């Protein structure tokens, strides 16, 4: 395949496509970003997802494996256009065969059209391009096709593949693209009798998003965490919204600018209910987090795995928050200098920050930042939407987490997460905690929760009113967790029976030592905790509650 003249290929292909599918040419030309796709020096393409780059270009062996089952003349559906060579090889394998090529991502269609001259196949109907929700309209034709999945993109597009076999009479739900928790909610929607399609709110043009809603006519858009403009988008298109806030936000909640009657917001923090209502959202409810007991479940581990994943040790898996400290420091300094006026320079602002942090270090279990800041300078805590207070709270949360984990080092503590955990060396010189790197795969996290003798929960200092997802996930795995004590925890678990708790570092250290010495007692807690999650705290159960409240069950 000639890759030397992508511009010429793109022009020839678009000219041919304009004769058979002019509307698709317009859609491909709508503005989108291509920052998530990169090309290495040797010419291979890669796809950015989360914090990692994944290969799109297939090697000869991988492409041969994909071609091997396609030797017949049956029409083919290629889902995921990460490697244009695969499409070219399928067309060359049997020039009379029809190949449907679909992707959710308009940028990947552009790359395909710039990679080779497909104009003849396009004009003669041998290559039929589909984008986004075209998949739904073409379901009947695609149902009779053999399916070829791109190895990487196929993992991202598994809901779309499932759509091809689903009963079209089932109601359709759009799920806003996101991380792991999004996939859990999508699975719960399938369980509740919905078909599921993933809508990339950040990666598609406004025109394509609106077209997708009008053409597919979903019954609901489900989103994890609220983003600015979401309620307005749904209102303008008459699309009911169900949004579950599950993560802390570092920016102020924007006010709703249009009617929110068909939007239902659920938040993991009771304190956020009045915030959403104050921003103009009429349907807001508190809903604790939960676990997916299919993804988080007891696993049989061989002795080597058990040792590798923390067997017999206390462990922690999660963000250090330390990598965010420079950003929050900059945010604080900017607000402090703005509030203090010309006489407050960077040095004075930094001194204010150190005073506030020193005050907070006196009690790592109670949020003191707002009071400390107003003592330093009246109005500083509430300035710029509370940005200074938020910055101090986040930095303090990082310090608390680092100190607690490092402080368990004498008990054999292992920690997995981001590189920010190296800050323990500066904050707690001589600590004995062992950083194990990142838990690269979701399965690794489940194995750690299963293997650990004591799974430690250390929440953010400003979120003492929530039960972290970690607690539900560990319990679902049948692991023993020492959870941070709170009123919210006592509302969802029977403390002292289903869950064991700590309220300070000293108590955490003492109880960790105790349960390391008494694994039978830890196992009894773990069994009761798992039963509680299965009975009362599954994501599918939470989704049933959300749909019922929104009259969408």
Foldseek 3Di string as FASTA:
>chain_A
DDLPFLPVLLVLQLVLCCVVPVVVSVQLPFDFDPPQWDADPVGWIWGHDDHDIHTLADDPVVLCVLCVVVQDQFAEEEEDQSHLVSVVVSCVSPVPHAYEYEYQASVSVSVNSSRDRCSVCSNVRNYHYDYRCVLVVCLVVNLRHHYGYRPVVCVVCVLSVVSSVDDPVFAEEEEEDDDDVSVQLQVLVVVVGYRYDYDDPRGGHLVVVLVNCVVRVGAAYEYEADDPPPQVSCVVNVHAYEYEHADDDLAQDAADPDQQPRYAYEYQFPVCQVSNVVSPHDHYYYDAAAAALVLQAADDDDPVLLVVLAALAEEEEDALLQVCLVVLLVQQQVLCPVVVDPVQDSVNSVVLLVQLLVVCVVDLQAQDNLVSNCVVPNPSCPTPNRSNSSSSQSVSQSLVSLCLQLVLLVRPYEYADAPSNVCNCVSPPPGRYHYDYHLPDSVSVSSSLNSHLEYEERDRNVPLRGWHPVLNSSLSHLGFYAGADHPNVVVQDPEPQQHDYDHDSVRVNVVSVVSSVVSVVSSRNSVSVNVSSVVPGHSSVSVVVSCVSSVND
